Amino acid sequence: MLILKLLKESFSFAINALIVNKLRTFLSLLGITIGIFAIISVYTMVDALEKGIKDSIASLGDNVVYVMKWPWSFDPDQPWWEYMQRPQPTTNEFREVKRMSMGAEAVAMYIRGSRTIKYKSNSLENVNFIGVSYEYNQVADVNVEEGRYFTEVETNSGSPVVVIGASVGEKLFGGLEPMGRQLKFMGRNLTVIGMMKKEGESMLGNSNDDQIIIPINFARTLFNERSESLNLTISVKAKEHVSNADLMDELTGIMRSIRKLKPKEKDNFALNELDMLSKGFDSLFSIVNIAGGIIGIFSIIVGGFSIANIMFVSVKERTNIIGIQKALGAKNYFILFQFLFESIFLCLVGGLVGLLIIFIGTLILTYGAGFEVFLTMENVTLGISISVIIGLISGFIPAWGASRMDPVEAIRQ
């Protein structure tokens, strides 16, 4: 009952301080509001970006290893010219990896590039194309909504067929049904047999909407697969019970065997996995979080000083009341708790206003701008915790001074 009474009286004093001195309270709370807004808004945006990028990476397959010429992260101790001298993966190596790998669920090969495509008088420039082997849809996300994917016969024979992205279909054919129509690609006719589901652009820009997929054996009739610009890649998807580390060990042995490398020779190929990208982004987001936290801390410090100032003023204005309370038997801890509660309450109000502004901003960005942003419970808890801590620190010295007052001297003032 004593604790409840103490809370009630402290709450009444805090509300009274807010109401009686509106301008002073507003200016004091503004610092806390800005500080919480600065810190939590940065963390909220970083969380949204991190989720978007990791979702984009996950859509590429988190259990896939890519055999390539170039690594995604370079060894600073290895000269650049050694990377330049590496050979491109070949079709024969793809077949050998497919034959020899025991940990692979699927092995695919593809080349990438960009060219102009046409349909009658319409044309699209710099459209991304992928020349793929039949197993490509088993290692990558190819969601065909209309029509179908290639058959194995079409892929192996290099049939002039194509699966197009949703945006390509809309821009090239307008309102016409794309299925069965022919588009021109490097002077050759390609029959549209499928169109992929519209995805929208991901954070990494790896959407299927603006690209076309063709059989790799058809692409080989138009391009030299050893061309550096095409960057031929062998992608290997691990079996369910096989880890990426085990698969990479196996692929290292297979590729060294295929290329007849001696035990002391360095690998002349790269094995890349999406975890490399995730780790790179993790370090980037950590730096951004630290920078945002530092910026927010300065705002919080300013807000903390303003709360401390308002508490000193509050103690000064209520000195005679403190003296009367102590003369009537109020304990030191009662006075201490009363002013501490007021300080924490003021900071909490400022912090909640900052969180409310962030929440409104997330709704505007998500539903107005189409960029999904979310305020997590972890960030809400962090914002409230920071507000309480700042209130505790800012109000302690004024509250301690109030609790140590001599009742006679306090009443005289």
Protein backbone atom coordinates (compact mmCIF):
# COMPACT_ATOMS: atom_id res chain seq x y z
CA MET A 1 0.00 0.00 0.00
CA LEU A 2 2.87 2.34 0.80
CA ILE A 3 4.49 1.69 -2.59
CA LEU A 4 1.18 2.26 -4.40
CA LYS A 5 0.66 5.50 -2.51
CA LEU A 6 4.19 6.59 -3.34
CA LEU A 7 3.65 5.82 -7.04
CA LYS A 8 0.34 7.67 -7.07
CA GLU A 9 1.76 10.82 -5.47
CA SER A 10 4.84 10.75 -7.69
CA PHE A 11 2.68 10.34 -10.77
CA SER A 12 0.51 13.28 -9.68
CA PHE A 13 3.58 15.49 -9.21
CA ALA A 14 4.94 14.47 -12.62
CA ILE A 15 1.64 15.19 -14.41
CA ASN A 16 1.36 18.52 -12.60
CA ALA A 17 4.89 19.46 -13.73
CA LEU A 18 3.93 18.68 -17.32
CA ILE A 19 0.71 20.71 -17.22
CA VAL A 20 1.84 23.77 -15.26
CA ASN A 21 5.03 24.42 -17.26
CA LYS A 22 4.01 23.46 -20.81
CA LEU A 23 6.67 25.37 -22.75
CA ARG A 24 9.50 24.37 -20.44
CA THR A 25 8.36 20.76 -20.50
CA PHE A 26 8.06 20.77 -24.31
CA LEU A 27 11.57 22.13 -24.80
CA SER A 28 12.99 19.66 -22.28
CA LEU A 29 11.25 16.66 -23.83
CA LEU A 30 12.25 17.72 -27.33
CA GLY A 31 15.87 16.69 -26.73
CA ILE A 32 14.88 13.20 -25.57
CA THR A 33 12.41 12.85 -28.46
CA ILE A 34 15.04 13.82 -31.04
CA GLY A 35 17.64 11.54 -29.44
CA ILE A 36 15.39 8.48 -29.36
CA PHE A 37 14.20 9.26 -32.89
CA ALA A 38 17.81 9.53 -34.14
CA ILE A 39 18.97 6.24 -32.61
CA ILE A 40 15.93 4.05 -33.21
CA SER A 41 15.22 5.39 -36.71
CA VAL A 42 18.75 4.44 -37.78
CA TYR A 43 18.38 0.97 -36.28
CA THR A 44 14.94 0.59 -37.87
CA MET A 45 16.19 1.54 -41.35
CA VAL A 46 19.23 -0.72 -41.00
CA ASP A 47 16.99 -3.62 -39.92
CA ALA A 48 14.77 -3.06 -42.96
CA LEU A 49 17.73 -2.88 -45.35
CA GLU A 50 19.36 -5.92 -43.75
CA LYS A 51 16.18 -7.97 -44.02
CA GLY A 52 15.66 -6.93 -47.64
CA ILE A 53 19.22 -7.81 -48.64
CA LYS A 54 19.25 -11.10 -46.76
CA ASP A 55 15.90 -12.07 -48.29
CA SER A 56 17.36 -11.28 -51.72
CA ILE A 57 20.41 -13.40 -50.96
CA ALA A 58 18.24 -16.23 -49.64
CA SER A 59 16.20 -16.20 -52.87
CA LEU A 60 19.42 -17.11 -54.73
CA GLY A 61 19.78 -20.24 -52.62
CA ASP A 62 21.72 -20.41 -49.37
CA ASN A 63 23.02 -23.93 -50.03
CA VAL A 64 24.55 -23.27 -53.46
CA VAL A 65 28.26 -23.05 -54.29
CA TYR A 66 29.41 -21.25 -57.44
CA VAL A 67 32.49 -22.44 -59.33
CA MET A 68 33.91 -19.38 -61.10
CA LYS A 69 37.09 -17.73 -62.31
CA TRP A 70 36.81 -14.71 -60.01
CA PRO A 71 36.29 -14.82 -56.23
CA TRP A 72 33.73 -12.57 -54.56
CA SER A 73 36.29 -11.62 -51.91
CA PHE A 74 39.93 -11.22 -52.91
CA ASP A 75 42.92 -12.44 -50.96
CA PRO A 76 45.11 -9.34 -50.39
CA ASP A 77 48.22 -11.54 -50.37
CA GLN A 78 47.55 -12.94 -53.84
CA PRO A 79 48.68 -10.83 -56.84
CA TRP A 80 45.92 -9.64 -59.16
CA TRP A 81 47.65 -11.04 -62.22
CA GLU A 82 47.24 -14.59 -60.83
CA TYR A 83 43.48 -14.08 -60.92
CA MET A 84 43.75 -12.77 -64.49
CA GLN A 85 45.61 -15.90 -65.61
CA ARG A 86 42.95 -18.28 -64.33
CA PRO A 87 40.97 -20.13 -67.02
CA GLN A 88 37.21 -19.84 -67.27
CA PRO A 89 35.15 -22.90 -66.25
CA THR A 90 34.16 -24.98 -69.28
CA THR A 91 31.34 -27.22 -70.42
CA ASN A 92 33.55 -30.28 -70.01
CA GLU A 93 34.31 -29.29 -66.40
CA PHE A 94 30.58 -28.87 -65.79
CA ARG A 95 29.97 -32.42 -67.01
CA GLU A 96 32.81 -33.79 -64.87
CA VAL A 97 31.61 -31.99 -61.73
CA LYS A 98 28.11 -33.33 -62.36
CA ARG A 99 29.47 -36.86 -62.80
CA MET A 100 31.91 -36.90 -59.89
CA SER A 101 30.16 -34.95 -57.14
CA MET A 102 28.52 -37.11 -54.47
CA GLY A 103 27.28 -34.23 -52.30
CA ALA A 104 25.46 -32.35 -55.06
CA GLU A 105 21.71 -32.49 -55.43
CA ALA A 106 21.84 -30.56 -58.71
CA VAL A 107 24.58 -29.07 -60.90
CA ALA A 108 23.86 -26.34 -63.44
CA MET A 109 25.87 -24.16 -65.79
CA TYR A 110 25.01 -20.71 -67.08
CA ILE A 111 26.39 -17.64 -68.85
CA ARG A 112 25.16 -14.08 -68.52
CA GLY A 113 25.11 -11.05 -70.77
CA SER A 114 22.90 -8.28 -72.13
CA ARG A 115 21.56 -7.67 -75.63
CA THR A 116 18.75 -5.90 -77.49
CA ILE A 117 15.60 -7.91 -78.17
CA LYS A 118 12.82 -7.03 -80.63
CA TYR A 119 9.22 -7.86 -81.43
CA LYS A 120 8.02 -6.31 -84.68
CA SER A 121 8.59 -2.54 -84.23
CA ASN A 122 9.15 -2.75 -80.46
CA SER A 123 12.62 -3.18 -79.04
CA LEU A 124 14.22 -3.33 -75.60
CA GLU A 125 17.91 -2.49 -75.18
CA ASN A 126 20.38 -4.00 -72.71
CA VAL A 127 18.04 -6.79 -71.64
CA ASN A 128 19.82 -9.28 -69.39
CA PHE A 129 19.90 -12.82 -70.72
CA ILE A 130 20.96 -16.07 -69.06
CA GLY A 131 21.97 -19.10 -71.09
CA VAL A 132 21.29 -22.05 -68.79
CA SER A 133 21.57 -25.81 -68.63
CA TYR A 134 18.46 -27.85 -67.90
CA GLU A 135 19.12 -28.10 -64.14
CA TYR A 136 19.20 -24.33 -63.66
CA ASN A 137 15.68 -24.18 -62.21
CA GLN A 138 16.79 -26.65 -59.52
CA VAL A 139 19.56 -24.38 -58.19
CA ALA A 140 17.89 -20.99 -58.72
CA ASP A 141 14.42 -19.56 -58.22
CA VAL A 142 12.65 -19.70 -61.60
CA ASN A 143 8.95 -19.23 -60.89
CA VAL A 144 7.19 -19.76 -64.25
CA GLU A 145 3.65 -18.40 -63.94
CA GLU A 146 2.50 -18.77 -67.54
CA GLY A 147 3.57 -21.46 -69.96
CA ARG A 148 6.43 -23.77 -68.96
CA TYR A 149 10.16 -24.19 -68.42
CA PHE A 150 12.49 -25.87 -70.95
CA THR A 151 12.44 -29.63 -71.43
CA GLU A 152 15.74 -31.51 -71.22
CA VAL A 153 15.58 -32.23 -74.94
CA GLU A 154 15.12 -28.53 -75.77
CA THR A 155 18.06 -27.58 -73.58
CA ASN A 156 20.44 -30.25 -74.88
CA SER A 157 19.52 -29.66 -78.53
CA GLY A 158 19.74 -25.87 -78.20
CA SER A 159 16.16 -25.23 -79.33
CA PRO A 160 15.34 -21.56 -80.09
CA VAL A 161 12.96 -21.11 -77.15
CA VAL A 162 12.88 -18.54 -74.36
CA VAL A 163 11.35 -17.93 -70.94
CA ILE A 164 10.84 -14.21 -70.32
CA GLY A 165 10.46 -12.01 -67.26
CA ALA A 166 7.15 -10.32 -66.46
CA SER A 167 8.41 -6.79 -67.20
CA VAL A 168 9.91 -7.92 -70.51
CA GLY A 169 6.53 -9.37 -71.50
CA GLU A 170 4.69 -6.16 -70.57
CA LYS A 171 7.12 -3.81 -72.32
CA LEU A 172 7.78 -5.87 -75.44
CA PHE A 173 4.34 -7.28 -76.19
CA GLY A 174 2.10 -4.68 -74.54
CA GLY A 175 -1.32 -6.16 -73.94
CA LEU A 176 -0.73 -9.13 -76.25
CA GLU A 177 -0.44 -12.69 -74.99
CA PRO A 178 3.31 -13.53 -75.15
CA MET A 179 2.97 -17.33 -75.29
CA GLY A 180 3.85 -18.72 -78.69
CA ARG A 181 5.05 -15.40 -80.11
CA GLN A 182 8.55 -14.93 -81.51
CA LEU A 183 11.03 -12.28 -80.49
CA LYS A 184 14.32 -11.51 -82.20
CA PHE A 185 17.56 -12.03 -80.30
CA MET A 186 20.80 -11.25 -82.19
CA GLY A 187 18.98 -11.79 -85.48
CA ARG A 188 17.56 -15.17 -84.44
CA ASN A 189 13.90 -15.93 -83.72
CA LEU A 190 13.08 -17.24 -80.24
CA THR A 191 9.67 -18.69 -79.40
CA VAL A 192 8.28 -17.64 -76.04
CA ILE A 193 7.27 -20.77 -74.09
CA GLY A 194 7.02 -19.32 -70.57
CA MET A 195 6.79 -16.13 -68.54
CA MET A 196 7.97 -15.81 -64.95
CA LYS A 197 5.92 -14.43 -62.09
CA LYS A 198 6.39 -10.72 -61.40
CA GLU A 199 8.73 -10.25 -58.45
CA GLY A 200 9.63 -6.58 -58.26
CA GLU A 201 13.24 -5.49 -57.89
CA SER A 202 15.08 -6.89 -54.89
CA MET A 203 17.66 -5.03 -52.78
CA LEU A 204 20.46 -6.68 -54.79
CA GLY A 205 18.79 -6.01 -58.14
CA ASN A 206 18.58 -9.72 -58.93
CA SER A 207 14.95 -9.73 -60.09
CA ASN A 208 13.87 -12.03 -62.92
CA ASP A 209 11.40 -9.42 -64.20
CA ASP A 210 13.77 -7.73 -66.66
CA GLN A 211 15.63 -10.74 -68.04
CA ILE A 212 15.16 -13.65 -70.38
CA ILE A 213 16.36 -17.26 -70.04
CA ILE A 214 17.53 -19.30 -73.02
CA PRO A 215 19.05 -22.81 -73.35
CA ILE A 216 22.83 -22.65 -73.01
CA ASN A 217 23.39 -24.82 -76.09
CA PHE A 218 21.47 -22.27 -78.13
CA ALA A 219 23.57 -19.48 -76.60
CA ARG A 220 26.73 -21.38 -77.54
CA THR A 221 25.79 -21.06 -81.23
CA LEU A 222 25.93 -17.26 -80.82
CA PHE A 223 28.69 -16.72 -78.25
CA ASN A 224 32.11 -18.04 -77.36
CA GLU A 225 31.59 -19.56 -73.92
CA ARG A 226 35.19 -18.75 -73.01
CA SER A 227 34.53 -15.03 -73.42
CA GLU A 228 35.43 -13.07 -70.28
CA SER A 229 32.32 -10.91 -70.65
CA LEU A 230 29.98 -13.92 -70.30
CA ASN A 231 31.56 -15.18 -67.05
CA LEU A 232 30.55 -18.84 -67.31
CA THR A 233 29.54 -20.23 -63.91
CA ILE A 234 28.96 -23.74 -62.59
CA SER A 235 26.45 -23.67 -59.71
CA VAL A 236 26.18 -26.67 -57.39
CA LYS A 237 23.34 -27.16 -54.94
CA ALA A 238 24.14 -29.29 -51.89
CA LYS A 239 22.05 -32.23 -50.79
CA GLU A 240 19.89 -31.71 -47.73
CA HIS A 241 22.29 -33.40 -45.30
CA VAL A 242 25.45 -31.91 -46.86
CA SER A 243 26.83 -28.62 -45.54
CA ASN A 244 28.30 -25.97 -47.81
CA ALA A 245 31.70 -26.47 -46.17
CA ASP A 246 31.67 -30.19 -47.03
CA LEU A 247 30.49 -29.46 -50.56
CA MET A 248 33.25 -26.89 -51.06
CA ASP A 249 35.87 -29.37 -49.86
CA GLU A 250 34.57 -31.94 -52.32
CA LEU A 251 34.44 -29.43 -55.20
CA THR A 252 37.98 -28.28 -54.44
CA GLY A 253 39.23 -31.84 -54.84
CA ILE A 254 37.18 -32.40 -58.01
CA MET A 255 38.30 -29.17 -59.71
CA ARG A 256 41.96 -29.74 -58.79
CA SER A 257 41.68 -33.25 -60.21
CA ILE A 258 40.02 -32.05 -63.42
CA ARG A 259 42.65 -29.34 -63.95
CA LYS A 260 45.47 -31.69 -62.93
CA LEU A 261 46.93 -29.31 -60.33
CA LYS A 262 49.97 -30.50 -58.38
CA PRO A 263 49.73 -30.65 -54.57
CA LYS A 264 51.75 -27.46 -54.05
CA GLU A 265 50.02 -25.48 -56.81
CA LYS A 266 47.43 -22.86 -55.85
CA ASP A 267 43.80 -23.26 -56.87
CA ASN A 268 43.16 -21.59 -60.24
CA PHE A 269 39.42 -21.36 -59.66
CA ALA A 270 37.13 -19.74 -57.11
CA LEU A 271 34.40 -21.33 -55.00
CA ASN A 272 31.91 -18.67 -53.96
CA GLU A 273 28.93 -18.94 -51.64
CA LEU A 274 26.27 -16.45 -50.60
CA ASP A 275 27.48 -16.53 -47.00
CA MET A 276 30.40 -14.38 -48.19
CA LEU A 277 27.96 -11.65 -49.21
CA SER A 278 26.03 -11.93 -45.94
CA LYS A 279 29.20 -11.53 -43.88
CA GLY A 280 30.24 -8.51 -45.93
CA PHE A 281 26.89 -6.83 -45.36
CA ASP A 282 26.95 -7.74 -41.65
CA SER A 283 30.16 -5.75 -41.16
CA LEU A 284 28.71 -2.83 -43.15
CA PHE A 285 25.52 -2.77 -41.09
CA SER A 286 27.55 -2.94 -37.87
CA ILE A 287 29.43 0.19 -38.89
CA VAL A 288 26.19 2.00 -39.79
CA ASN A 289 24.65 0.98 -36.45
CA ILE A 290 27.66 2.29 -34.55
CA ALA A 291 27.63 5.57 -36.50
CA GLY A 292 23.89 6.00 -35.92
CA GLY A 293 24.31 5.19 -32.24
CA ILE A 294 27.05 7.83 -31.84
CA ILE A 295 24.89 10.49 -33.53
CA GLY A 296 21.94 9.55 -31.35
CA ILE A 297 24.02 9.55 -28.16
CA PHE A 298 24.92 13.22 -28.63
CA SER A 299 21.24 14.07 -29.01
CA ILE A 300 20.42 11.99 -25.93
CA ILE A 301 23.12 13.77 -23.90
CA VAL A 302 21.63 17.15 -24.82
CA GLY A 303 18.19 15.82 -23.86
CA GLY A 304 19.59 14.46 -20.60
CA PHE A 305 21.00 17.88 -19.65
CA SER A 306 17.65 19.50 -20.41
CA ILE A 307 15.86 16.97 -18.16
CA ALA A 308 18.43 17.52 -15.40
CA ASN A 309 17.85 21.27 -15.72
CA ILE A 310 14.08 20.97 -15.45
CA MET A 311 14.49 18.71 -12.39
CA PHE A 312 16.77 21.24 -10.64
CA VAL A 313 14.19 23.94 -11.33
CA SER A 314 11.41 21.64 -10.11
CA VAL A 315 13.28 20.95 -6.84
CA LYS A 316 13.90 24.69 -6.38
CA GLU A 317 10.22 25.56 -6.92
CA ARG A 318 9.02 22.88 -4.50
CA THR A 319 11.60 23.36 -1.74
CA ASN A 320 9.03 24.47 0.86
CA ILE A 321 6.77 21.54 -0.09
CA ILE A 322 9.70 19.18 0.43
CA GLY A 323 10.28 20.75 3.86
CA ILE A 324 6.62 20.28 4.83
CA GLN A 325 6.68 16.64 3.62
CA LYS A 326 9.79 15.89 5.66
CA ALA A 327 8.36 17.71 8.71
CA LEU A 328 5.30 15.47 8.47
CA GLY A 329 7.50 12.36 8.54
CA ALA A 330 8.38 11.70 4.87
CA LYS A 331 11.54 9.60 4.61
CA ASN A 332 14.52 10.51 2.44
CA TYR A 333 13.83 7.62 0.07
CA PHE A 334 10.27 8.90 -0.42
CA ILE A 335 11.53 12.31 -1.62
CA LEU A 336 14.28 10.64 -3.70
CA PHE A 337 11.85 8.26 -5.39
CA GLN A 338 9.33 11.04 -6.00
CA PHE A 339 11.73 13.18 -8.05
CA LEU A 340 13.38 10.19 -9.73
CA PHE A 341 9.97 8.98 -10.87
CA GLU A 342 9.20 12.43 -12.27
CA SER A 343 12.49 12.50 -14.20
CA ILE A 344 11.99 8.99 -15.60
CA PHE A 345 8.38 9.78 -16.47
CA LEU A 346 9.39 12.91 -18.41
CA CYS A 347 12.07 10.99 -20.36
CA LEU A 348 9.66 8.14 -21.01
CA VAL A 349 7.08 10.52 -22.47
CA GLY A 350 9.74 12.04 -24.73
CA GLY A 351 10.95 8.60 -25.80
CA LEU A 352 7.44 7.36 -26.57
CA VAL A 353 6.79 10.45 -28.71
CA GLY A 354 9.98 9.68 -30.65
CA LEU A 355 8.92 6.05 -31.13
CA LEU A 356 5.45 7.17 -32.26
CA ILE A 357 7.00 9.44 -34.91
CA ILE A 358 9.14 6.54 -36.14
CA PHE A 359 6.11 4.23 -36.26
CA ILE A 360 4.16 6.76 -38.34
CA GLY A 361 7.18 7.07 -40.63
CA THR A 362 7.33 3.30 -41.13
CA LEU A 363 3.66 3.27 -42.17
CA ILE A 364 4.25 6.09 -44.67
CA LEU A 365 7.28 4.34 -46.20
CA THR A 366 5.64 0.89 -46.29
CA TYR A 367 2.24 1.85 -47.69
CA GLY A 368 3.09 5.14 -49.40
CA ALA A 369 6.53 4.54 -50.91
CA GLY A 370 6.35 0.74 -51.24
CA PHE A 371 9.55 0.25 -49.19
CA GLU A 372 8.86 -2.20 -46.38
CA VAL A 373 10.05 -0.81 -43.05
CA PHE A 374 9.09 -2.22 -39.67
CA LEU A 375 9.56 -1.13 -36.06
CA THR A 376 10.58 -4.24 -34.16
CA MET A 377 9.81 -4.94 -30.51
CA GLU A 378 13.57 -5.08 -29.89
CA ASN A 379 13.93 -1.47 -31.07
CA VAL A 380 10.85 -0.37 -29.09
CA THR A 381 12.29 -2.00 -25.96
CA LEU A 382 15.68 -0.39 -26.65
CA GLY A 383 14.09 3.05 -27.04
CA ILE A 384 12.11 2.71 -23.81
CA SER A 385 15.15 1.36 -21.93
CA ILE A 386 17.34 4.27 -23.08
CA SER A 387 14.63 6.74 -22.00
CA VAL A 388 14.40 5.18 -18.54
CA ILE A 389 18.19 5.10 -18.10
CA ILE A 390 18.58 8.74 -19.17
CA GLY A 391 15.75 9.71 -16.82
CA LEU A 392 17.43 7.86 -13.97
CA ILE A 393 20.84 9.43 -14.61
CA SER A 394 19.52 12.96 -15.27
CA GLY A 395 17.23 13.01 -12.24
CA PHE A 396 19.43 11.35 -9.66
CA ILE A 397 21.51 14.36 -8.55
CA PRO A 398 18.51 16.75 -8.21
CA ALA A 399 16.50 14.01 -6.46
CA TRP A 400 19.41 13.20 -4.14
CA GLY A 401 19.78 16.88 -3.26
CA ALA A 402 16.06 17.15 -2.54
CA SER A 403 16.11 14.07 -0.30
CA ARG A 404 19.00 15.45 1.81
CA MET A 405 17.40 18.84 2.54
CA ASP A 406 16.98 20.00 6.09
CA PRO A 407 13.21 20.34 6.68
CA VAL A 408 13.49 23.59 8.71
CA GLU A 409 15.66 25.32 6.11
CA ALA A 410 13.45 24.02 3.31
CA ILE A 411 10.26 25.40 4.93
CA ARG A 412 11.87 28.82 5.43
CA GLN A 413 12.58 29.05 1.70
